[in-house]
Amino acid sequence: MIDIFTEKYRDVLSAAAEGVCKKLNVPTADIAVEINMVDAEEIRSLNKEQRNIDKITDVLSFQNLADVHFPFDKNDYEDDINPEDGSVFLGEIFICEERADEQAKEYDHTIERELSFLCCHGMLHIFGYDHDTEEKEKIMNDLCEEVLSDLGQTRDKGYEKKEENRPFHSGFVALMGRPNAGKSTLLNTIVGEKVSIVSWKPQTTRNKIKGIYNDPDCQIVFIDTPGLHKPRNSLGDYMMKTAASATEDIDCIVYLVDGEKGLSAEDVNNVNRYVADGFKVIVAVNKVDHITKERVMDILTQINGVKGLVAVVPLSALRKKNIEPLIAEIKKLLVDTIRYYDEDSYTDKNMRFIAAEIIREKALRLLDQEVPYGIGVDIREYAYRESGDIIDINADIICEKQAHKPIILGKNGSMIKKIATYARQDLEEIAGTKIFLTLFVRVKDDWREDESVMRSIGYNKKDLS
């Protein structure tokens, strides 16, 4: 089976992959190959992680079998056969659309032709072909040209970037789910900017944060919400009211399920409640890159037992895998025809808010288990200098207990310096200018129960009414 994790150019990639299998006399039902379309940054990251090469390439193939021989017989690879469908997993292919587009212009042929070539090239690598000698390179290129000729993908059509004239639509989508399901990571991945903070700790998101996705034919306003949980204090109550208010006047709910933890009874109850309340619900099973295909299929089978869902999409928010199919499903549900925000907007939050969130994220990550969730950030000053090219930020990290203060400060101030350094680096990238960040630690006993303190650092219940 050829699994293609993108809607765009799906038919082109499928035809090319199947064309290679046909040329090599390999039944597609006997094999499993995953094909992904990624952006330049993702393929650079893969090159750095897997090949120790800091470079943007057009295609990457990761071969699962060390030796594939022909004629292909899946029974020769008994240890690699998936008992669920009887296929042999051969590997993964990653194609960079930006590089494909550049190369299509360079060679003056269609983007479809370039993608077909890259897919063929990747498939041949999966089957064990290589181009480390002139002779091997000629064999690979000749096979690619034969497949492309069979598909009618010739070089003589000229470059043409397809632009589909679709009517413009827009709408609002609430991201819901239990704590740590990956809502903030998904929001940042879709929007392409750091909108919501991310850490391994559940209940990291405290406010209703809007992230804005723009493309030529649509604008989707995503609302990231705190994970659904039972509140234990005033801050927890605020977080749950924030989550509840996110479902007002929305077009659909994307409910995230943590694939590593599986589908819980609480997940099922939440989804059933949203469906019963008349919401259009898409379930996204996140973190599928961390679990086996068998586990993914088991979760999908369970979810399919829930009635009334619009769609179910397995994905990896962190690895940007299968994001386009999710966007495609959301687009089907959009009914508005106006653009609510400027095309270059990616969030409704100002930089003062983002600065507080980034500082809190770094504290949560660096402090690990030592200081749990009793941390707030109060931005005391956010001001441009007269020169206009430097921003001064002074902020307090608020903790609940006196014993937490030396932990946050660290030995000789080492921890708070580290928090400030990492936060400043992120903020300078977002703001595009130099930042001087000064952090202090302030103890406020049980501040999560003190609504006046909560209001001062941005958690105002009146904003939800």
Protein backbone atom coordinates (compact mmCIF):
# COMPACT_ATOMS: atom_id res chain seq x y z
CA MET A 1 0.00 0.00 0.00
CA ILE A 2 1.23 3.47 -0.86
CA ASP A 3 0.27 5.88 1.95
CA ILE A 4 0.43 9.52 0.86
CA PHE A 5 0.21 12.03 3.70
CA THR A 6 -0.89 15.07 1.72
CA GLU A 7 -3.98 16.07 -0.22
CA LYS A 8 -2.13 18.38 -2.58
CA TYR A 9 -0.78 16.50 -5.61
CA ARG A 10 -1.98 13.21 -4.10
CA ASP A 11 -2.97 11.81 -7.51
CA VAL A 12 0.37 12.79 -9.06
CA LEU A 13 2.42 11.14 -6.31
CA SER A 14 0.22 8.06 -6.24
CA ALA A 15 0.53 7.56 -10.01
CA ALA A 16 4.32 7.94 -9.88
CA ALA A 17 4.76 5.52 -6.96
CA GLU A 18 2.48 2.95 -8.53
CA GLY A 19 4.27 3.43 -11.86
CA VAL A 20 7.57 2.43 -10.26
CA CYS A 21 5.97 -0.64 -8.70
CA LYS A 22 4.51 -1.62 -12.06
CA LYS A 23 7.88 -1.16 -13.78
CA LEU A 24 9.56 -3.38 -11.18
CA ASN A 25 6.71 -5.94 -11.19
CA VAL A 26 5.99 -5.40 -7.49
CA PRO A 27 2.32 -5.62 -6.38
CA THR A 28 1.48 -2.49 -4.37
CA ALA A 29 -0.61 -4.64 -2.02
CA ASP A 30 2.57 -6.48 -0.98
CA ILE A 31 4.44 -3.39 0.20
CA ALA A 32 3.97 -0.39 2.51
CA VAL A 33 5.57 2.95 1.65
CA GLU A 34 4.84 6.35 3.23
CA ILE A 35 5.18 9.50 1.11
CA ASN A 36 5.22 12.92 2.78
CA MET A 37 5.25 16.47 1.39
CA VAL A 38 7.21 18.79 3.71
CA ASP A 39 8.46 22.36 3.72
CA ALA A 40 12.05 23.51 3.41
CA GLU A 41 12.63 23.81 7.15
CA GLU A 42 11.33 20.30 7.82
CA ILE A 43 13.55 18.68 5.18
CA ARG A 44 16.53 20.65 6.48
CA SER A 45 15.75 19.35 9.98
CA LEU A 46 15.51 15.76 8.70
CA ASN A 47 18.86 16.13 6.94
CA LYS A 48 20.47 17.44 10.12
CA GLU A 49 18.95 14.74 12.34
CA GLN A 50 19.41 11.74 10.07
CA ARG A 51 22.41 12.64 7.89
CA ASN A 52 24.22 15.33 9.89
CA ILE A 53 23.92 17.61 6.85
CA ASP A 54 22.55 21.14 7.28
CA LYS A 55 20.98 21.38 3.83
CA ILE A 56 17.64 21.73 2.05
CA THR A 57 17.31 18.89 -0.46
CA ASP A 58 14.51 18.03 -2.87
CA VAL A 59 13.81 14.48 -1.69
CA LEU A 60 14.85 12.15 1.12
CA SER A 61 14.32 8.40 1.26
CA PHE A 62 14.69 6.23 4.34
CA GLN A 63 14.97 2.57 3.35
CA ASN A 64 13.69 0.03 5.87
CA LEU A 65 15.20 -3.08 4.25
CA ALA A 66 18.96 -3.28 3.85
CA ASP A 67 18.71 -5.57 0.84
CA VAL A 68 15.83 -5.81 -1.64
CA HIS A 69 16.22 -8.32 -4.43
CA PHE A 70 14.23 -9.08 -7.56
CA PRO A 71 11.97 -10.62 -8.60
CA PHE A 72 10.31 -9.25 -5.45
CA ASP A 73 8.60 -11.83 -3.24
CA LYS A 74 7.26 -10.61 0.11
CA ASN A 75 7.75 -14.10 1.57
CA ASP A 76 11.49 -13.47 1.40
CA TYR A 77 11.02 -10.88 4.17
CA GLU A 78 8.95 -12.80 6.71
CA ASP A 79 10.35 -10.86 9.68
CA ASP A 80 9.19 -7.57 8.13
CA ILE A 81 5.65 -8.57 7.16
CA ASN A 82 2.83 -6.70 8.88
CA PRO A 83 0.42 -9.39 10.17
CA GLU A 84 -2.51 -6.94 9.84
CA ASP A 85 -2.38 -6.51 6.05
CA GLY A 86 0.41 -8.83 4.89
CA SER A 87 2.57 -5.99 3.51
CA VAL A 88 6.31 -5.45 3.85
CA PHE A 89 7.27 -2.00 5.10
CA LEU A 90 9.91 -0.63 2.71
CA GLY A 91 10.39 2.87 4.08
CA GLU A 92 9.49 6.58 3.97
CA ILE A 93 9.91 9.32 1.35
CA PHE A 94 9.95 13.06 2.08
CA ILE A 95 9.56 15.54 -0.79
CA CYS A 96 10.16 19.27 -0.39
CA GLU A 97 7.51 21.17 -2.36
CA GLU A 98 9.48 24.44 -2.34
CA ARG A 99 12.55 22.80 -3.91
CA ALA A 100 10.34 20.95 -6.39
CA ASP A 101 8.74 24.23 -7.43
CA GLU A 102 12.16 25.91 -7.85
CA GLN A 103 13.46 23.01 -9.93
CA ALA A 104 10.35 22.93 -12.12
CA LYS A 105 11.02 26.59 -13.00
CA GLU A 106 14.71 25.89 -13.57
CA TYR A 107 14.05 22.97 -15.95
CA ASP A 108 11.01 24.68 -17.49
CA HIS A 109 8.58 21.84 -16.96
CA THR A 110 5.46 21.41 -14.87
CA ILE A 111 5.46 21.05 -11.08
CA GLU A 112 3.61 17.76 -11.60
CA ARG A 113 6.46 16.47 -13.76
CA GLU A 114 9.07 17.47 -11.16
CA LEU A 115 7.11 15.89 -8.29
CA SER A 116 6.62 12.71 -10.33
CA PHE A 117 10.38 12.53 -10.96
CA LEU A 118 11.23 13.07 -7.29
CA CYS A 119 8.68 10.46 -6.22
CA CYS A 120 10.09 7.94 -8.72
CA HIS A 121 13.61 8.73 -7.56
CA GLY A 122 12.60 8.22 -3.92
CA MET A 123 10.78 4.98 -4.66
CA LEU A 124 13.80 3.54 -6.45
CA HIS A 125 15.97 4.34 -3.42
CA ILE A 126 13.39 2.53 -1.26
CA PHE A 127 13.82 -0.52 -3.50
CA GLY A 128 17.61 -0.38 -3.09
CA TYR A 129 18.70 1.54 -6.20
CA ASP A 130 21.47 4.11 -5.79
CA HIS A 131 23.47 6.62 -7.84
CA ASP A 132 26.91 6.52 -6.21
CA THR A 133 28.51 5.59 -9.57
CA GLU A 134 27.86 6.88 -13.10
CA GLU A 135 26.58 3.45 -14.16
CA LYS A 136 24.11 3.20 -11.26
CA GLU A 137 22.99 6.81 -11.80
CA LYS A 138 22.22 6.08 -15.46
CA ILE A 139 20.15 3.02 -14.49
CA MET A 140 18.12 5.08 -12.01
CA ASN A 141 17.59 7.97 -14.40
CA ASP A 142 16.59 5.67 -17.27
CA LEU A 143 14.04 3.88 -15.08
CA CYS A 144 12.61 7.24 -13.92
CA GLU A 145 12.30 8.47 -17.50
CA GLU A 146 10.55 5.25 -18.54
CA VAL A 147 8.01 5.58 -15.73
CA LEU A 148 7.43 9.28 -16.46
CA SER A 149 7.01 8.56 -20.16
CA ASP A 150 4.39 5.91 -19.33
CA LEU A 151 2.58 8.52 -17.22
CA GLY A 152 2.74 11.18 -19.93
CA GLN A 153 4.89 13.43 -17.73
CA THR A 154 7.22 14.80 -20.41
CA ARG A 155 9.54 17.81 -20.26
CA ASP A 156 7.94 19.75 -23.11
CA LYS A 157 4.91 21.24 -21.29
CA GLY A 158 6.67 24.24 -19.75
CA TYR A 159 6.47 25.45 -16.15
CA GLU A 160 3.01 26.35 -15.00
CA LYS A 161 2.16 27.05 -11.37
CA LYS A 162 -1.42 25.95 -10.87
CA GLU A 163 -3.66 28.50 -9.27
CA GLU A 164 -7.15 27.26 -8.51
CA ASN A 165 -9.87 29.87 -8.48
CA ARG A 166 -11.81 28.85 -5.42
CA PRO A 167 -14.34 31.03 -3.64
CA PHE A 168 -12.97 32.59 -0.45
CA HIS A 169 -14.23 31.17 2.86
CA SER A 170 -13.41 31.80 6.49
CA GLY A 171 -14.43 30.62 9.93
CA PHE A 172 -13.54 29.83 13.52
CA VAL A 173 -12.30 26.48 14.83
CA ALA A 174 -11.85 25.48 18.49
CA LEU A 175 -8.98 23.14 19.36
CA MET A 176 -10.18 20.96 22.24
CA GLY A 177 -8.87 17.93 24.05
CA ARG A 178 -7.43 16.64 27.28
CA PRO A 179 -4.23 18.15 28.77
CA ASN A 180 -1.03 17.56 26.84
CA ALA A 181 -2.75 16.20 23.73
CA GLY A 182 -0.72 18.61 21.58
CA LYS A 183 -3.16 21.42 20.87
CA SER A 184 -0.59 24.19 21.16
CA THR A 185 1.94 22.32 19.01
CA LEU A 186 -0.71 21.77 16.34
CA LEU A 187 -1.70 25.43 16.40
CA ASN A 188 1.91 26.57 15.97
CA THR A 189 2.49 24.05 13.17
CA ILE A 190 -0.61 25.10 11.22
CA VAL A 191 -0.03 28.83 11.64
CA GLY A 192 3.71 28.57 11.01
CA GLU A 193 4.57 30.89 13.90
CA LYS A 194 4.91 30.55 17.66
CA VAL A 195 1.45 31.50 18.88
CA SER A 196 0.94 29.23 21.87
CA ILE A 197 3.54 28.00 24.34
CA VAL A 198 4.50 24.35 24.44
CA SER A 199 5.85 22.17 27.22
CA TRP A 200 5.50 18.56 28.30
CA LYS A 201 3.51 19.66 31.35
CA PRO A 202 -0.28 19.39 31.00
CA GLN A 203 -2.45 22.50 31.37
CA THR A 204 0.30 24.72 29.95
CA THR A 205 -2.17 26.84 27.99
CA ARG A 206 -4.20 29.06 30.32
CA ASN A 207 -5.78 31.59 27.98
CA LYS A 208 -7.93 31.31 24.89
CA ILE A 209 -5.31 32.04 22.23
CA LYS A 210 -6.20 32.69 18.60
CA GLY A 211 -3.92 31.59 15.79
CA ILE A 212 -4.73 32.64 12.24
CA TYR A 213 -4.13 30.46 9.17
CA ASN A 214 -4.17 32.27 5.84
CA ASP A 215 -4.03 31.05 2.27
CA PRO A 216 -5.42 32.57 -0.96
CA ASP A 217 -8.83 30.92 -0.67
CA CYS A 218 -9.46 30.86 3.08
CA GLN A 219 -8.77 32.22 6.54
CA ILE A 220 -9.14 29.88 9.51
CA VAL A 221 -9.11 31.37 13.00
CA PHE A 222 -8.02 28.65 15.43
CA ILE A 223 -8.75 29.00 19.13
CA ASP A 224 -6.28 27.15 21.34
CA THR A 225 -7.74 26.30 24.73
CA PRO A 226 -6.55 24.86 28.06
CA GLY A 227 -6.77 21.09 28.33
CA LEU A 228 -10.08 19.84 29.68
CA HIS A 229 -9.66 18.92 33.35
CA LYS A 230 -11.36 19.22 36.72
CA PRO A 231 -10.50 22.65 38.22
CA ARG A 232 -8.89 22.71 41.68
CA ASN A 233 -8.50 26.45 42.23
CA SER A 234 -9.56 29.84 40.84
CA LEU A 235 -7.00 29.62 38.05
CA GLY A 236 -8.27 26.17 37.11
CA ASP A 237 -11.82 27.50 37.11
CA TYR A 238 -10.70 30.36 34.84
CA MET A 239 -9.06 27.86 32.47
CA MET A 240 -12.21 25.75 32.19
CA LYS A 241 -14.38 28.81 31.57
CA THR A 242 -11.89 29.79 28.89
CA ALA A 243 -12.28 26.39 27.24
CA ALA A 244 -16.08 26.59 27.43
CA SER A 245 -16.16 30.09 25.92
CA ALA A 246 -14.06 28.91 22.97
CA THR A 247 -17.03 26.99 21.55
CA GLU A 248 -19.16 30.11 21.11
CA ASP A 249 -19.90 30.98 17.46
CA ILE A 250 -17.53 28.45 15.94
CA ASP A 251 -17.79 26.47 12.71
CA CYS A 252 -16.33 23.26 14.08
CA ILE A 253 -14.33 21.63 16.85
CA VAL A 254 -11.05 19.81 16.22
CA TYR A 255 -10.74 17.42 19.14
CA LEU A 256 -7.21 16.12 19.72
CA VAL A 257 -6.58 12.63 21.06
CA ASP A 258 -3.14 11.80 22.42
CA GLY A 259 -2.16 8.73 20.38
CA GLU A 260 0.45 7.68 22.95
CA LYS A 261 -2.15 7.55 25.73
CA GLY A 262 -4.91 6.19 23.51
CA LEU A 263 -8.62 6.96 23.38
CA SER A 264 -9.95 7.33 26.92
CA ALA A 265 -13.51 7.14 28.21
CA GLU A 266 -13.19 10.85 28.98
CA ASP A 267 -12.30 11.55 25.33
CA VAL A 268 -15.33 9.59 24.15
CA ASN A 269 -17.62 11.40 26.61
CA ASN A 270 -16.29 14.81 25.55
CA VAL A 271 -16.71 14.09 21.85
CA ASN A 272 -20.20 12.63 22.33
CA ARG A 273 -21.19 15.73 24.29
CA TYR A 274 -19.99 18.09 21.57
CA VAL A 275 -21.78 16.10 18.88
CA ALA A 276 -24.97 15.99 20.95
CA ASP A 277 -24.75 19.78 21.40
CA GLY A 278 -24.83 20.19 17.63
CA PHE A 279 -21.16 20.92 16.95
CA LYS A 280 -19.39 19.62 13.86
CA VAL A 281 -16.49 17.60 15.25
CA ILE A 282 -13.28 16.45 13.59
CA VAL A 283 -11.14 14.09 15.68
CA ALA A 284 -7.38 14.38 15.17
CA VAL A 285 -5.30 11.52 16.54
CA ASN A 286 -1.98 13.15 17.38
CA LYS A 287 1.53 11.72 17.94
CA VAL A 288 1.08 8.84 15.49
CA ASP A 289 4.84 9.05 14.84
CA HIS A 290 5.40 7.74 18.39
CA ILE A 291 3.25 4.61 18.11
CA THR A 292 3.01 1.58 15.84
CA LYS A 293 0.72 1.39 12.83
CA GLU A 294 -1.19 -1.36 14.60
CA ARG A 295 -1.79 0.94 17.56
CA VAL A 296 -2.97 3.72 15.24
CA MET A 297 -5.42 1.37 13.54
CA ASP A 298 -6.73 0.21 16.92
CA ILE A 299 -7.41 3.81 18.01
CA LEU A 300 -9.05 4.67 14.67
CA THR A 301 -11.28 1.60 14.97
CA GLN A 302 -12.41 2.74 18.43
CA ILE A 303 -13.09 6.29 17.22
CA ASN A 304 -15.12 5.04 14.28
CA GLY A 305 -17.54 3.69 16.86
CA VAL A 306 -18.40 7.28 17.83
CA LYS A 307 -21.40 8.40 15.79
CA GLY A 308 -21.82 11.79 14.15
CA LEU A 309 -18.18 12.75 13.50
CA VAL A 310 -17.33 14.77 10.41
CA ALA A 311 -13.90 13.18 9.95
CA VAL A 312 -11.03 11.42 11.72
CA VAL A 313 -7.45 12.41 10.82
CA PRO A 314 -4.31 10.70 12.17
CA LEU A 315 -1.37 13.14 12.31
CA SER A 316 1.82 14.26 13.97
CA ALA A 317 1.72 17.94 14.92
CA LEU A 318 5.39 17.90 15.91
CA ARG A 319 6.61 16.31 12.66
CA LYS A 320 4.07 18.25 10.52
CA LYS A 321 2.71 14.98 9.21
CA ASN A 322 -0.77 14.82 7.63
CA ILE A 323 -1.58 18.44 8.43
CA GLU A 324 -2.92 19.22 4.93
CA PRO A 325 -5.70 16.60 5.10
CA LEU A 326 -6.85 18.17 8.38
CA ILE A 327 -6.92 21.64 6.78
CA ALA A 328 -8.85 20.20 3.81
CA GLU A 329 -11.51 18.73 6.13
CA ILE A 330 -11.86 22.03 7.99
CA LYS A 331 -12.22 24.01 4.76
CA LYS A 332 -15.29 21.97 3.85
CA LEU A 333 -17.06 23.34 6.94
CA LEU A 334 -16.30 27.06 6.52
CA VAL A 335 -19.32 29.20 5.63
CA ASP A 336 -18.24 32.85 6.07
CA THR A 337 -16.91 34.82 3.12
CA ILE A 338 -15.06 37.69 4.81
CA ARG A 339 -11.48 38.04 6.03
CA TYR A 340 -11.59 38.76 9.78
CA TYR A 341 -7.89 39.61 10.12
CA ASP A 342 -5.21 41.02 7.81
CA GLU A 343 -3.50 38.45 5.59
CA ASP A 344 -0.20 38.85 7.43
CA SER A 345 -1.74 38.39 10.90
CA TYR A 346 -1.07 35.12 12.69
CA THR A 347 -2.49 35.87 16.16
CA ASP A 348 -4.84 38.29 17.91
CA LYS A 349 -2.50 38.61 20.89
CA ASN A 350 -0.09 41.52 21.35
CA MET A 351 3.65 41.20 21.98
CA ARG A 352 3.26 41.95 25.68
CA PHE A 353 1.09 38.84 26.06
CA ILE A 354 3.39 36.76 23.86
CA ALA A 355 6.42 37.84 25.91
CA ALA A 356 4.78 36.65 29.14
CA GLU A 357 3.86 33.32 27.55
CA ILE A 358 7.35 32.72 26.14
CA ILE A 359 8.96 33.44 29.53
CA ARG A 360 6.51 31.06 31.22
CA GLU A 361 7.23 28.36 28.63
CA LYS A 362 10.99 28.52 29.25
CA ALA A 363 10.44 28.40 33.02
CA LEU A 364 8.16 25.36 32.72
CA ARG A 365 10.65 23.52 30.54
CA LEU A 366 13.81 24.34 32.46
CA LEU A 367 12.43 23.89 35.97
CA ASP A 368 11.26 20.37 35.14
CA GLN A 369 9.47 18.74 38.11
CA GLU A 370 10.84 21.08 40.78
CA VAL A 371 8.30 23.88 40.47
CA PRO A 372 5.05 22.59 38.97
CA TYR A 373 2.25 24.82 37.69
CA GLY A 374 2.26 27.63 40.27
CA ILE A 375 4.14 30.03 38.00
CA GLY A 376 2.79 33.24 36.51
CA VAL A 377 4.53 36.03 34.61
CA ASP A 378 3.82 39.72 35.06
CA ILE A 379 5.26 42.04 32.39
CA ARG A 380 6.17 45.18 34.31
CA GLU A 381 7.62 47.04 31.33
CA TYR A 382 7.53 46.53 27.56
CA ALA A 383 8.92 49.59 25.79
CA TYR A 384 10.88 50.55 22.70
CA ARG A 385 13.93 52.74 23.25
CA GLU A 386 14.05 56.08 21.47
CA SER A 387 16.25 54.60 18.76
CA GLY A 388 13.37 52.25 17.90
CA ASP A 389 15.60 49.20 17.38
CA ILE A 390 15.73 47.84 20.96
CA ILE A 391 12.90 46.66 23.24
CA ASP A 392 13.28 46.68 27.01
CA ILE A 393 11.24 44.04 28.86
CA ASN A 394 11.13 43.82 32.64
CA ALA A 395 9.09 40.96 34.08
CA ASP A 396 8.35 39.20 37.34
CA ILE A 397 8.11 35.44 37.59
CA ILE A 398 5.50 34.87 40.30
CA CYS A 399 5.62 31.72 42.40
CA GLU A 400 3.39 30.46 45.19
CA LYS A 401 5.91 29.43 47.85
CA GLN A 402 9.04 30.92 49.34
CA ALA A 403 10.78 27.58 48.85
CA HIS A 404 10.27 27.90 45.08
CA LYS A 405 12.17 31.19 44.79
CA PRO A 406 15.74 29.81 45.17
CA ILE A 407 14.90 27.02 42.72
CA ILE A 408 13.80 29.52 40.08
CA LEU A 409 16.83 31.71 40.76
CA GLY A 410 19.29 28.80 40.73
CA LYS A 411 22.79 28.80 42.16
CA ASN A 412 24.28 32.29 41.77
CA GLY A 413 21.27 33.18 39.58
CA SER A 414 22.15 30.55 36.97
CA MET A 415 18.59 29.29 36.40
CA ILE A 416 16.89 32.65 35.97
CA LYS A 417 19.70 33.71 33.60
CA LYS A 418 19.08 30.60 31.53
CA ILE A 419 15.31 31.26 31.44
CA ALA A 420 15.97 34.86 30.36
CA THR A 421 18.46 33.83 27.66
CA TYR A 422 16.19 31.25 26.04
CA ALA A 423 13.16 33.54 26.25
CA ARG A 424 15.08 36.46 24.76
CA GLN A 425 16.25 34.33 21.81
CA ASP A 426 12.66 33.36 20.95
CA LEU A 427 11.33 36.88 21.42
CA GLU A 428 14.02 38.44 19.23
CA GLU A 429 13.14 36.01 16.45
CA ILE A 430 9.43 36.88 16.76
CA ALA A 431 9.90 40.65 17.15
CA GLY A 432 12.71 40.91 14.61
CA THR A 433 14.72 43.28 16.80
CA LYS A 434 17.15 43.34 19.73
CA ILE A 435 15.63 42.73 23.18
CA PHE A 436 16.96 43.42 26.67
CA LEU A 437 15.10 41.14 29.05
CA THR A 438 15.34 41.47 32.85
CA LEU A 439 13.64 38.92 35.10
CA PHE A 440 12.89 39.02 38.83
CA VAL A 441 11.24 36.44 41.11
CA ARG A 442 8.33 37.47 43.32
CA VAL A 443 6.58 35.24 45.87
CA LYS A 444 2.82 35.59 46.19
CA ASP A 445 1.28 32.94 48.44
CA ASP A 446 -1.50 30.96 46.75
CA TRP A 447 -1.77 33.49 43.93
CA ARG A 448 -3.89 31.06 41.88
CA GLU A 449 -6.67 31.66 44.42
CA ASP A 450 -6.21 35.45 44.35
CA GLU A 451 -8.33 36.94 41.58
CA SER A 452 -6.68 40.37 41.91
CA VAL A 453 -3.25 38.85 41.16
CA MET A 454 -4.75 36.78 38.34
CA ARG A 455 -6.25 39.90 36.79
CA SER A 456 -2.93 41.74 37.01
CA ILE A 457 -1.16 39.07 34.95
CA GLY A 458 -3.89 38.62 32.36
CA TYR A 459 -6.34 36.04 33.73
CA ASN A 460 -9.52 38.09 34.03
CA LYS A 461 -12.79 36.15 34.25
CA LYS A 462 -14.73 39.22 33.08
CA ASP A 463 -13.05 38.84 29.69
CA LEU A 464 -14.92 35.56 29.25
CA SER A 465 -18.40 36.94 29.75
